[in-house]
Amino acid sequence: MNMPLALPAETETLMHQEAAQAADVVAAQFARNRDAVAALAARLRTSPPPFVATCARGSSDHAATYAKYLFETQLGVVTASLSPSVGSVYAAPLRLRGALFVAISQSGKSPDLLRNAEAARSAGAHVVALVNVEDSPLAQLADTVIPLGAGPERSVAATKSYLASLAAIAQLAAHWKGDEALLAALDRLPGALRAAWDADWSPLADGLAGAHNLFVLGRGLGLAAAQEAALKFKETCGLHAEAYSSAEVKHGPMALVGAGFPVLVFAQPDETGEGTLALAREFRARGAQVWTAAGQGELPLAPAPHPALAPLLAIQSFYRAINALALRRGHNPDLPPHLNKVTETV
């Protein structure tokens, strides 16, 4: 008779240990990459790209969502996600001359990502690789490499490498814009991440221990946090979760929200925040089970040194909570069924 494997203690999972390293990873990354990022930013100011194209999958694609909102709101540069299958399956040539092509990957090995990066370079784009494995094929073909510096990540669920990706994007945006306030905020980000790790999000684990599905909402810069959270619910907890913009959810999906329906809301502390909180209040009035990650929400948010950095803090607090929730539901967050650390799609 096969006996179920014993689950590790909450602080003994690889996910917990690796996510707890994020603040130190980000601090070291900023110091190491400052000159390279400043040089790339100077190039972009001298020869502004007509647009930015991102290419990524999984958690890295959620980082690309953050890049879209950050580059568009802070720099006014149109940023679009390029589907990897356009180049790898359809082999469709794209007009990318002069564009900035940002490929985001932990492993730098996925064949579809590599084919698109090669095609982008051949089409005249400047290829930037945000990659954790510095001797990977992606790093070797890129024009500029921004190492994530997260170190080995053995848990299948990405944590510190995801936060390192967001941090690298924020550092690039700050230097590209020459934004002194954002640059100063980056210096305070590691400390804020440590405070976020200590935040008590236990009500989320308590409330979702027996759940079967939920919505995760965010908007603007906060949408990437919602996307990342929804993925982690699925892969670590076996819990079906769907991420929506708090504006987009009104176009049909909100018909599902009624008494007892679980909703996790990331309220970004910027122009989108009040509308997102208003929707949370509307859902709560319907009897939905709502948790808000906000300054005055059920899930406390560490003070952000800059609104654009708030999504990093929200996800850092979430990672600790989702690790606890996975174990409570009988899942090992390090070993999701049917998944591998490196997914090599074509």
Protein backbone atom coordinates (compact mmCIF):
# COMPACT_ATOMS: atom_id res chain seq x y z
CA MET A 1 0.00 0.00 0.00
CA ASN A 2 1.42 3.39 -0.99
CA MET A 3 1.48 5.85 1.89
CA PRO A 4 1.24 9.58 1.13
CA LEU A 5 4.52 11.42 1.52
CA ALA A 6 4.79 13.60 4.62
CA LEU A 7 4.60 17.31 3.91
CA PRO A 8 7.43 19.59 5.02
CA ALA A 9 6.92 22.18 7.72
CA GLU A 10 5.88 25.63 6.51
CA THR A 11 9.34 27.14 6.86
CA GLU A 12 11.08 24.07 5.43
CA THR A 13 9.68 24.21 1.89
CA LEU A 14 11.98 25.36 -0.85
CA MET A 15 9.32 27.86 -1.85
CA HIS A 16 9.39 29.49 1.59
CA GLN A 17 13.18 29.55 1.75
CA GLU A 18 13.62 30.93 -1.76
CA ALA A 19 10.91 33.58 -1.51
CA ALA A 20 12.44 34.76 1.76
CA GLN A 21 15.67 35.51 -0.14
CA ALA A 22 14.04 38.01 -2.49
CA ALA A 23 15.06 41.17 -0.64
CA ASP A 24 18.74 40.20 -0.62
CA VAL A 25 18.53 39.10 -4.26
CA VAL A 26 17.04 42.44 -5.33
CA ALA A 27 19.60 44.47 -3.37
CA ALA A 28 22.50 42.58 -4.96
CA GLN A 29 20.91 42.75 -8.39
CA PHE A 30 20.50 46.53 -8.26
CA ALA A 31 24.14 47.03 -7.26
CA ARG A 32 25.50 44.62 -9.84
CA ASN A 33 23.39 45.77 -12.80
CA ARG A 34 23.41 49.54 -12.20
CA ASP A 35 26.08 50.39 -14.80
CA ALA A 36 24.72 48.03 -17.46
CA VAL A 37 21.16 49.28 -16.98
CA ALA A 38 22.30 52.92 -17.03
CA ALA A 39 24.18 52.30 -20.28
CA LEU A 40 21.14 50.67 -21.89
CA ALA A 41 18.94 53.52 -20.68
CA ALA A 42 21.31 56.09 -22.21
CA ARG A 43 21.13 54.21 -25.51
CA LEU A 44 17.34 54.20 -25.39
CA ARG A 45 17.21 57.94 -24.70
CA THR A 46 19.60 58.63 -27.57
CA SER A 47 17.77 56.35 -30.00
CA PRO A 48 14.21 55.98 -28.69
CA PRO A 49 12.54 52.77 -29.87
CA PRO A 50 9.19 53.17 -31.64
CA PHE A 51 7.74 50.55 -29.30
CA VAL A 52 8.67 47.73 -26.92
CA ALA A 53 7.82 44.08 -27.57
CA THR A 54 7.99 41.58 -24.73
CA CYS A 55 8.20 37.82 -25.04
CA ALA A 56 7.80 35.38 -22.14
CA ARG A 57 5.72 32.58 -20.70
CA GLY A 58 4.36 31.68 -17.26
CA SER A 59 5.41 33.88 -14.37
CA SER A 60 7.80 35.69 -16.69
CA ASP A 61 4.85 36.74 -18.84
CA HIS A 62 3.23 38.24 -15.76
CA ALA A 63 6.42 40.25 -15.34
CA ALA A 64 5.90 41.37 -18.95
CA THR A 65 2.44 42.65 -17.96
CA TYR A 66 4.13 44.77 -15.29
CA ALA A 67 6.60 46.04 -17.92
CA LYS A 68 3.73 47.05 -20.19
CA TYR A 69 2.03 49.20 -17.58
CA LEU A 70 5.28 50.61 -16.20
CA PHE A 71 6.76 51.57 -19.58
CA GLU A 72 3.49 53.01 -20.83
CA THR A 73 2.64 55.00 -17.70
CA GLN A 74 6.13 56.21 -16.89
CA LEU A 75 7.65 56.55 -20.37
CA GLY A 76 4.75 56.79 -22.79
CA VAL A 77 6.23 53.98 -24.90
CA VAL A 78 3.71 51.53 -26.34
CA THR A 79 4.53 48.06 -25.04
CA ALA A 80 2.96 44.87 -26.37
CA SER A 81 3.30 41.20 -25.56
CA LEU A 82 4.47 39.16 -28.53
CA SER A 83 2.99 35.67 -28.63
CA PRO A 84 5.90 33.18 -28.86
CA SER A 85 3.94 31.02 -31.30
CA VAL A 86 3.97 33.82 -33.91
CA GLY A 87 7.63 33.12 -34.52
CA SER A 88 8.06 29.53 -33.36
CA VAL A 89 4.96 27.93 -34.92
CA TYR A 90 3.70 30.34 -37.58
CA ALA A 91 7.18 31.59 -38.51
CA ALA A 92 5.57 34.92 -39.36
CA PRO A 93 8.06 37.73 -40.03
CA LEU A 94 7.40 40.84 -37.95
CA ARG A 95 8.41 44.45 -38.52
CA LEU A 96 10.60 45.10 -35.48
CA ARG A 97 13.31 47.40 -36.83
CA GLY A 98 14.42 49.79 -34.14
CA ALA A 99 12.16 48.22 -31.50
CA LEU A 100 13.23 47.15 -28.05
CA PHE A 101 12.60 43.40 -27.70
CA VAL A 102 12.57 42.25 -24.07
CA ALA A 103 12.75 38.51 -23.48
CA ILE A 104 12.15 37.41 -19.88
CA SER A 105 13.11 33.92 -18.74
CA GLN A 106 14.41 32.10 -15.70
CA SER A 107 16.18 29.35 -17.63
CA GLY A 108 16.81 31.02 -20.98
CA LYS A 109 16.32 27.65 -22.69
CA SER A 110 12.76 27.52 -24.03
CA PRO A 111 12.92 26.89 -27.80
CA ASP A 112 10.01 29.18 -28.70
CA LEU A 113 11.51 32.09 -26.79
CA LEU A 114 14.88 31.55 -28.44
CA ARG A 115 13.38 31.44 -31.94
CA ASN A 116 11.53 34.68 -31.36
CA ALA A 117 14.60 36.40 -29.95
CA GLU A 118 16.64 35.30 -32.95
CA ALA A 119 13.92 36.50 -35.32
CA ALA A 120 13.69 39.83 -33.52
CA ARG A 121 17.41 40.40 -33.77
CA SER A 122 17.38 39.50 -37.46
CA ALA A 123 14.50 41.96 -37.97
CA GLY A 124 16.55 44.81 -36.51
CA ALA A 125 15.32 44.93 -32.91
CA HIS A 126 17.61 45.46 -29.94
CA VAL A 127 17.24 42.26 -27.92
CA VAL A 128 17.41 42.52 -24.14
CA ALA A 129 17.42 39.34 -22.06
CA LEU A 130 16.23 39.43 -18.46
CA VAL A 131 17.49 35.99 -17.55
CA ASN A 132 18.55 34.12 -14.44
CA VAL A 133 20.86 31.55 -16.04
CA GLU A 134 23.64 33.74 -17.35
CA ASP A 135 25.29 31.19 -19.65
CA SER A 136 21.96 30.19 -21.22
CA PRO A 137 21.31 30.24 -24.98
CA LEU A 138 19.08 33.31 -24.56
CA ALA A 139 21.84 35.26 -22.83
CA GLN A 140 24.30 34.30 -25.56
CA LEU A 141 22.16 35.64 -28.41
CA ALA A 142 20.95 38.86 -26.73
CA ASP A 143 22.40 42.29 -27.48
CA THR A 144 22.09 43.25 -23.81
CA VAL A 145 21.87 40.89 -20.85
CA ILE A 146 20.39 42.01 -17.53
CA PRO A 147 21.11 39.13 -15.12
CA LEU A 148 18.38 38.48 -12.59
CA GLY A 149 20.91 37.13 -10.11
CA ALA A 150 18.33 35.08 -8.21
CA GLY A 151 20.65 32.11 -7.92
CA PRO A 152 19.42 28.51 -8.07
CA GLU A 153 15.68 28.15 -7.70
CA ARG A 154 14.76 24.55 -6.99
CA SER A 155 11.08 24.88 -6.17
CA VAL A 156 8.96 24.45 -9.29
CA ALA A 157 6.98 27.52 -8.23
CA ALA A 158 9.00 30.59 -9.20
CA THR A 159 9.24 33.25 -6.49
CA LYS A 160 12.51 35.12 -6.12
CA SER A 161 13.18 34.97 -9.87
CA TYR A 162 9.77 36.56 -10.53
CA LEU A 163 10.41 39.38 -8.07
CA ALA A 164 13.89 39.80 -9.54
CA SER A 165 12.29 40.20 -12.98
CA LEU A 166 9.97 42.93 -11.73
CA ALA A 167 12.87 44.65 -9.99
CA ALA A 168 14.97 44.59 -13.16
CA ILE A 169 12.10 46.12 -15.13
CA ALA A 170 11.66 48.84 -12.51
CA GLN A 171 15.38 49.62 -12.51
CA LEU A 172 15.39 49.93 -16.29
CA ALA A 173 12.33 52.20 -16.31
CA ALA A 174 13.78 54.44 -13.59
CA HIS A 175 17.08 54.91 -15.42
CA TRP A 176 15.45 55.27 -18.83
CA LYS A 177 13.15 58.01 -17.57
CA GLY A 178 15.79 59.53 -15.31
CA ASP A 179 13.20 59.56 -12.54
CA GLU A 180 14.98 60.58 -9.33
CA ALA A 181 12.00 59.69 -7.13
CA LEU A 182 11.77 56.18 -8.55
CA LEU A 183 15.56 55.73 -8.42
CA ALA A 184 15.57 56.70 -4.75
CA ALA A 185 12.64 54.35 -4.11
CA LEU A 186 14.62 51.46 -5.56
CA ASP A 187 17.21 51.93 -2.83
CA ARG A 188 14.47 51.42 -0.24
CA LEU A 189 12.83 48.49 -1.99
CA PRO A 190 14.83 45.67 -0.31
CA GLY A 191 13.82 46.95 3.13
CA ALA A 192 10.21 47.20 2.03
CA LEU A 193 10.33 43.62 0.72
CA ARG A 194 11.52 42.44 4.13
CA ALA A 195 8.59 44.22 5.77
CA ALA A 196 6.23 42.66 3.22
CA TRP A 197 7.54 39.19 4.03
CA ASP A 198 6.62 39.74 7.68
CA ALA A 199 3.05 40.87 6.92
CA ASP A 200 0.28 38.69 8.38
CA TRP A 201 -1.83 37.33 5.55
CA SER A 202 -3.07 34.32 7.53
CA PRO A 203 -6.76 35.30 6.95
CA LEU A 204 -6.26 34.31 3.30
CA ALA A 205 -5.04 30.81 4.19
CA ASP A 206 -7.82 30.44 6.75
CA GLY A 207 -10.52 31.52 4.32
CA LEU A 208 -9.42 29.50 1.29
CA ALA A 209 -8.53 26.22 2.98
CA GLY A 210 -11.68 24.56 1.63
CA ALA A 211 -12.29 26.67 -1.49
CA HIS A 212 -12.74 25.27 -5.00
CA ASN A 213 -12.35 28.38 -7.13
CA LEU A 214 -11.90 32.15 -6.90
CA PHE A 215 -11.33 35.36 -8.83
CA VAL A 216 -8.16 37.40 -8.36
CA LEU A 217 -8.50 41.05 -9.33
CA GLY A 218 -6.07 43.88 -9.99
CA ARG A 219 -5.77 46.78 -12.37
CA GLY A 220 -3.01 48.64 -14.14
CA LEU A 221 0.33 47.98 -12.49
CA GLY A 222 -1.49 45.66 -10.08
CA LEU A 223 -2.78 43.34 -12.80
CA ALA A 224 0.54 41.47 -12.94
CA ALA A 225 0.16 40.64 -9.24
CA ALA A 226 -3.32 39.23 -9.86
CA GLN A 227 -2.04 37.11 -12.75
CA GLU A 228 0.86 35.75 -10.72
CA ALA A 229 -1.36 34.98 -7.73
CA ALA A 230 -3.91 33.12 -9.86
CA LEU A 231 -1.16 30.95 -11.33
CA LYS A 232 0.23 30.13 -7.89
CA PHE A 233 -3.21 29.14 -6.60
CA LYS A 234 -3.47 26.63 -9.43
CA GLU A 235 0.01 25.17 -9.41
CA THR A 236 0.69 25.01 -5.66
CA CYS A 237 -2.78 24.52 -4.15
CA GLY A 238 -4.83 22.73 -6.82
CA LEU A 239 -7.23 25.66 -6.56
CA HIS A 240 -8.85 27.00 -9.71
CA ALA A 241 -8.31 30.76 -9.87
CA GLU A 242 -8.87 33.26 -12.65
CA ALA A 243 -7.18 36.66 -12.85
CA TYR A 244 -9.04 39.65 -14.23
CA SER A 245 -8.63 43.37 -14.46
CA SER A 246 -11.08 44.95 -12.03
CA ALA A 247 -12.48 46.75 -15.06
CA GLU A 248 -12.59 43.72 -17.36
CA VAL A 249 -14.34 41.52 -14.79
CA LYS A 250 -17.44 43.67 -15.24
CA HIS A 251 -17.77 42.50 -18.85
CA GLY A 252 -19.40 39.17 -18.07
CA PRO A 253 -17.36 37.28 -15.44
CA MET A 254 -18.86 39.22 -12.52
CA ALA A 255 -22.16 37.42 -13.13
CA LEU A 256 -20.60 34.49 -11.25
CA VAL A 257 -19.93 36.52 -8.11
CA GLY A 258 -22.57 35.93 -5.48
CA ALA A 259 -22.98 34.69 -1.93
CA GLY A 260 -19.88 32.90 -0.71
CA PHE A 261 -17.90 33.38 -3.94
CA PRO A 262 -14.22 33.99 -3.01
CA VAL A 263 -12.47 37.09 -4.44
CA LEU A 264 -8.94 38.29 -3.75
CA VAL A 265 -8.43 41.96 -4.67
CA PHE A 266 -5.09 43.69 -5.15
CA ALA A 267 -5.76 47.42 -4.81
CA GLN A 268 -2.91 49.34 -6.41
CA PRO A 269 -2.15 52.62 -4.53
CA ASP A 270 -2.57 54.89 -7.54
CA GLU A 271 -5.33 56.23 -9.77
CA THR A 272 -6.81 52.74 -10.17
CA GLY A 273 -7.08 52.05 -6.44
CA GLU A 274 -10.41 53.62 -5.53
CA GLY A 275 -12.27 52.01 -8.43
CA THR A 276 -10.85 48.62 -7.48
CA LEU A 277 -11.87 49.06 -3.84
CA ALA A 278 -15.34 50.19 -4.91
CA LEU A 279 -15.75 46.92 -6.82
CA ALA A 280 -14.60 44.99 -3.75
CA ARG A 281 -17.29 46.73 -1.71
CA GLU A 282 -19.90 45.89 -4.35
CA PHE A 283 -18.95 42.21 -4.30
CA ARG A 284 -18.97 42.14 -0.52
CA ALA A 285 -22.48 43.63 -0.53
CA ARG A 286 -23.58 40.67 -2.66
CA GLY A 287 -22.34 38.32 0.04
CA ALA A 288 -19.11 37.37 -1.70
CA GLN A 289 -16.12 36.35 0.39
CA VAL A 290 -13.69 39.21 -0.30
CA TRP A 291 -10.12 39.83 0.82
CA THR A 292 -8.50 43.12 -0.12
CA ALA A 293 -4.75 43.67 -0.18
CA ALA A 294 -4.66 47.39 0.51
CA GLY A 295 -3.55 49.94 3.08
CA GLN A 296 -6.76 49.44 5.08
CA GLY A 297 -7.65 45.99 3.76
CA GLU A 298 -7.95 42.61 5.40
CA LEU A 299 -4.49 41.78 4.07
CA PRO A 300 -1.98 44.45 5.16
CA LEU A 301 0.39 45.91 2.57
CA ALA A 302 3.82 47.12 3.54
CA PRO A 303 4.20 50.83 2.69
CA ALA A 304 5.59 51.17 -0.82
CA PRO A 305 8.51 53.57 -1.37
CA HIS A 306 6.85 54.40 -4.72
CA PRO A 307 3.40 53.38 -6.05
CA ALA A 308 5.01 51.63 -9.02
CA LEU A 309 6.77 49.24 -6.63
CA ALA A 310 3.66 48.25 -4.68
CA PRO A 311 3.01 45.09 -6.79
CA LEU A 312 6.36 43.64 -5.68
CA LEU A 313 5.43 44.05 -2.03
CA ALA A 314 1.97 42.57 -2.52
CA ILE A 315 3.36 39.47 -4.19
CA GLN A 316 6.07 39.02 -1.59
CA SER A 317 3.40 38.92 1.15
CA PHE A 318 1.27 36.64 -1.03
CA TYR A 319 4.09 34.13 -1.52
CA ARG A 320 4.34 33.48 2.19
CA ALA A 321 0.57 33.07 2.46
CA ILE A 322 0.25 30.76 -0.55
CA ASN A 323 3.01 28.51 0.77
CA ALA A 324 1.03 28.11 4.00
CA LEU A 325 -2.23 27.58 2.12
CA ALA A 326 -0.76 24.86 -0.10
CA LEU A 327 0.41 22.86 2.91
CA ARG A 328 -2.91 23.37 4.66
CA ARG A 329 -4.68 21.91 1.61
CA GLY A 330 -2.34 18.91 1.60
CA HIS A 331 -0.10 19.99 -1.29
CA ASN A 332 3.67 20.29 -1.42
CA PRO A 333 4.20 23.66 -3.13
CA ASP A 334 7.66 22.59 -4.32
CA LEU A 335 6.35 19.62 -6.31
CA PRO A 336 3.16 20.45 -8.22
CA PRO A 337 1.76 17.45 -10.12
CA HIS A 338 2.64 17.15 -13.81
CA LEU A 339 4.99 20.17 -13.78
CA ASN A 340 8.73 20.59 -14.24
CA LYS A 341 10.96 23.49 -13.31
CA VAL A 342 11.98 24.18 -16.90
CA THR A 343 9.18 24.07 -19.48
CA GLU A 344 10.58 23.90 -22.99
CA THR A 345 7.71 24.81 -25.30
CA VAL A 346 8.08 25.01 -29.07
